[in-house]
């Protein structure tokens, strides 16, 4: 079975998830991880993989694996789908830095939604850009079953680094009753 066929996402997003996880875990590691998932619960979300990674490696290591996989997935998304997302448009590239970042976050959220990655809300609050990944998609209220927060953190880390020409914007995960709330600091580290 092709690894991308076990995910609920579109083939494009499933390919990115598999590429990210393969780069971090290796082909054999990913195959072993997918084989450990109960077949009767297929198709899977990254949240299902997160649960297995926690069982195998512990909470911190599982989060680290998913952050790295998310970073890889974003880089691969840029290589394959930058034009589709609107990242190659001249108007986008010439935006003022803060406006460009907010638009980049929104465009990524829109693209992920179109690819079956979930429902996202992007906005500003004070000194942060906020990204809310709703956990109650498809009628499920289990936070672990959507796009896992660490994977999204990795994607946002790489997006903010890319959109700001190499500046680092710290990202904080905040508790939220409706899912995964990520706050990106508008002021980059010096």
Protein backbone atom coordinates (compact mmCIF):
# COMPACT_ATOMS: atom_id res chain seq x y z
CA UNK A 1 0.00 0.00 0.00
CA UNK A 2 1.29 3.44 -0.89
CA UNK A 3 1.87 5.44 2.35
CA UNK A 4 -0.06 8.47 1.06
CA UNK A 5 -3.22 6.42 0.58
CA UNK A 6 -3.65 5.88 4.33
CA UNK A 7 -4.30 9.57 5.07
CA UNK A 8 -7.55 11.50 4.92
CA UNK A 9 -5.87 14.44 3.20
CA UNK A 10 -5.68 15.21 -0.50
CA UNK A 11 -2.92 13.40 -2.41
CA UNK A 12 -0.91 16.64 -2.51
CA UNK A 13 -0.98 17.15 1.26
CA UNK A 14 -0.57 13.44 2.00
CA UNK A 15 2.57 13.42 -0.18
CA UNK A 16 3.99 16.35 1.80
CA UNK A 17 3.24 14.64 5.13
CA UNK A 18 4.88 11.41 3.95
CA UNK A 19 7.92 13.27 2.57
CA UNK A 20 8.36 15.14 5.84
CA UNK A 21 8.04 12.04 8.00
CA UNK A 22 10.25 10.00 5.68
CA UNK A 23 13.03 12.56 5.87
CA UNK A 24 12.96 12.48 9.68
CA UNK A 25 12.14 8.81 10.38
CA UNK A 26 13.46 7.15 7.23
CA UNK A 27 11.41 4.91 4.98
CA UNK A 28 11.60 1.91 7.31
CA UNK A 29 10.71 4.01 10.34
CA UNK A 30 7.64 5.44 8.62
CA UNK A 31 6.55 2.02 7.36
CA UNK A 32 6.89 0.61 10.87
CA UNK A 33 4.90 3.49 12.31
CA UNK A 34 2.11 3.12 9.74
CA UNK A 35 2.03 -0.66 10.28
CA UNK A 36 1.43 -0.07 14.00
CA UNK A 37 -1.81 1.82 13.33
CA UNK A 38 -5.03 -0.19 13.56
CA UNK A 39 -6.22 -0.81 10.00
CA UNK A 40 -9.89 -0.55 11.00
CA UNK A 41 -9.39 3.14 11.88
CA UNK A 42 -8.03 4.13 8.43
CA UNK A 43 -7.81 6.65 6.86
CA UNK A 44 -5.60 8.44 9.34
CA UNK A 45 -4.75 11.98 10.43
CA UNK A 46 -1.36 13.18 11.63
CA UNK A 47 -2.92 13.12 15.11
CA UNK A 48 -3.12 9.33 14.92
CA UNK A 49 0.60 9.20 14.11
CA UNK A 50 1.29 11.58 16.97
CA UNK A 51 -0.32 9.13 19.39
CA UNK A 52 1.90 6.28 18.14
CA UNK A 53 5.02 8.48 18.18
CA UNK A 54 4.30 9.41 21.82
CA UNK A 55 3.99 5.72 22.70
CA UNK A 56 7.32 4.91 21.01
CA UNK A 57 9.46 7.95 21.79
CA UNK A 58 7.75 9.96 24.52
CA UNK A 59 5.97 13.31 24.36
CA UNK A 60 8.97 15.58 23.77
CA UNK A 61 10.60 13.41 21.11
CA UNK A 62 7.29 12.88 19.30
CA UNK A 63 6.73 16.63 19.21
CA UNK A 64 10.26 17.18 17.93
CA UNK A 65 9.79 14.63 15.16
CA UNK A 66 6.55 16.28 14.05
CA UNK A 67 8.00 19.80 14.19
CA UNK A 68 10.89 18.73 11.94
CA UNK A 69 8.49 16.88 9.61
CA UNK A 70 6.30 20.00 9.41
CA UNK A 71 9.29 22.13 8.47
CA UNK A 72 10.25 19.70 5.72
CA UNK A 73 6.65 19.56 4.49
CA UNK A 74 6.49 23.36 4.18
CA UNK A 75 9.74 23.50 2.20
CA UNK A 76 8.45 20.79 -0.15
CA UNK A 77 5.13 22.63 -0.43
CA UNK A 78 7.01 25.75 -1.54
CA UNK A 79 8.86 23.79 -4.21
CA UNK A 80 5.73 22.17 -5.60
CA UNK A 81 2.79 24.48 -4.89
CA UNK A 82 4.09 28.04 -4.32
CA UNK A 83 2.27 29.31 -7.41
CA UNK A 84 -0.98 27.57 -6.42
CA UNK A 85 -0.83 29.12 -2.96
CA UNK A 86 -0.09 32.57 -4.38
CA UNK A 87 3.41 32.89 -2.97
CA UNK A 88 4.90 33.69 -6.38
CA UNK A 89 2.59 36.61 -7.15
CA UNK A 90 4.50 39.86 -7.54
CA UNK A 91 1.91 41.74 -5.46
CA UNK A 92 2.47 39.29 -2.60
CA UNK A 93 6.25 39.44 -2.80
CA UNK A 94 6.23 43.25 -2.66
CA UNK A 95 3.98 43.59 0.39
CA UNK A 96 5.22 45.32 3.53
CA UNK A 97 6.77 42.71 5.88
CA UNK A 98 3.99 42.54 8.51
CA UNK A 99 1.24 42.52 5.90
CA UNK A 100 3.12 39.89 3.91
CA UNK A 101 3.36 37.65 6.98
CA UNK A 102 -0.36 37.86 7.74
CA UNK A 103 -1.26 37.17 4.10
CA UNK A 104 1.22 34.24 4.00
CA UNK A 105 -0.35 32.72 7.12
CA UNK A 106 -3.84 33.12 5.64
CA UNK A 107 -2.84 31.63 2.29
CA UNK A 108 -1.26 28.61 3.95
CA UNK A 109 -4.39 28.11 6.07
CA UNK A 110 -6.59 28.34 2.96
CA UNK A 111 -4.41 25.88 1.05
CA UNK A 112 -4.38 23.38 3.93
CA UNK A 113 -8.17 23.65 4.22
CA UNK A 114 -8.58 22.97 0.48
CA UNK A 115 -6.31 19.93 0.85
CA UNK A 116 -8.39 18.44 3.66
CA UNK A 117 -6.07 19.54 6.47
CA UNK A 118 -8.84 21.04 8.59
CA UNK A 119 -10.43 24.37 9.40
CA UNK A 120 -8.20 27.27 10.38
CA UNK A 121 -8.69 30.84 11.56
CA UNK A 122 -5.94 33.41 11.13
CA UNK A 123 -5.92 36.88 12.65
CA UNK A 124 -4.05 39.42 14.74
CA UNK A 125 -4.25 40.06 18.47
CA UNK A 126 -1.91 42.56 20.07
CA UNK A 127 1.69 41.72 19.24
CA UNK A 128 0.81 38.30 17.76
CA UNK A 129 -0.57 36.73 14.64
CA UNK A 130 -2.89 33.96 15.75
CA UNK A 131 -3.49 30.65 14.01
CA UNK A 132 -6.32 28.47 15.33
CA UNK A 133 -6.58 24.92 14.02
CA UNK A 134 -10.06 23.79 14.96
CA UNK A 135 -10.20 20.33 16.50
CA UNK A 136 -13.90 19.78 15.93
CA UNK A 137 -13.68 19.17 12.19
CA UNK A 138 -15.66 16.25 10.87
CA UNK A 139 -17.68 16.25 14.09
CA UNK A 140 -14.71 15.12 16.17
CA UNK A 141 -13.83 16.92 19.39
CA UNK A 142 -10.55 15.10 19.93
CA UNK A 143 -7.69 17.60 19.63
CA UNK A 144 -5.29 14.81 18.68
CA UNK A 145 -7.09 13.80 15.52
CA UNK A 146 -6.55 16.79 13.26
CA UNK A 147 -3.31 18.24 12.01
CA UNK A 148 -1.18 17.72 15.11
CA UNK A 149 -0.03 20.98 16.71
CA UNK A 150 3.69 20.17 16.54
CA UNK A 151 3.42 19.49 12.80
CA UNK A 152 1.70 22.85 12.30
CA UNK A 153 4.32 24.57 14.46
CA UNK A 154 6.98 23.22 12.13
CA UNK A 155 5.12 24.43 9.05
CA UNK A 156 4.64 27.88 10.60
CA UNK A 157 8.27 28.08 11.72
CA UNK A 158 9.43 27.50 8.19
CA UNK A 159 6.77 29.80 6.69
CA UNK A 160 7.69 32.69 9.00
CA UNK A 161 11.40 32.19 8.36
CA UNK A 162 10.81 32.16 4.60
CA UNK A 163 8.31 35.06 4.47
CA UNK A 164 10.51 37.31 6.61
CA UNK A 165 13.71 36.63 4.65
CA UNK A 166 15.39 34.61 7.36
CA UNK A 167 14.18 36.27 10.54
CA UNK A 168 12.96 34.14 13.42
CA UNK A 169 9.48 34.80 14.82
CA UNK A 170 8.91 32.80 18.05
CA UNK A 171 5.75 30.69 18.02
CA UNK A 172 3.84 29.84 21.19
CA UNK A 173 1.22 27.14 21.61
CA UNK A 174 -1.61 28.27 23.87
CA UNK A 175 -4.40 26.18 25.42
CA UNK A 176 -7.67 26.67 23.61
CA UNK A 177 -10.96 24.79 24.04
CA UNK A 178 -11.57 24.62 20.29
CA UNK A 179 -8.25 23.19 19.17
CA UNK A 180 -4.67 24.20 18.62
CA UNK A 181 -3.95 27.93 19.07
CA UNK A 182 -0.56 29.07 17.83
CA UNK A 183 0.64 32.63 18.37
CA UNK A 184 3.41 34.01 16.19
CA UNK A 185 5.24 37.01 17.61
CA UNK A 186 5.07 39.93 15.20
CA UNK A 187 8.46 41.22 16.33
CA UNK A 188 11.23 38.86 15.21
CA UNK A 189 14.22 37.99 17.36
CA UNK A 190 17.18 40.28 16.82
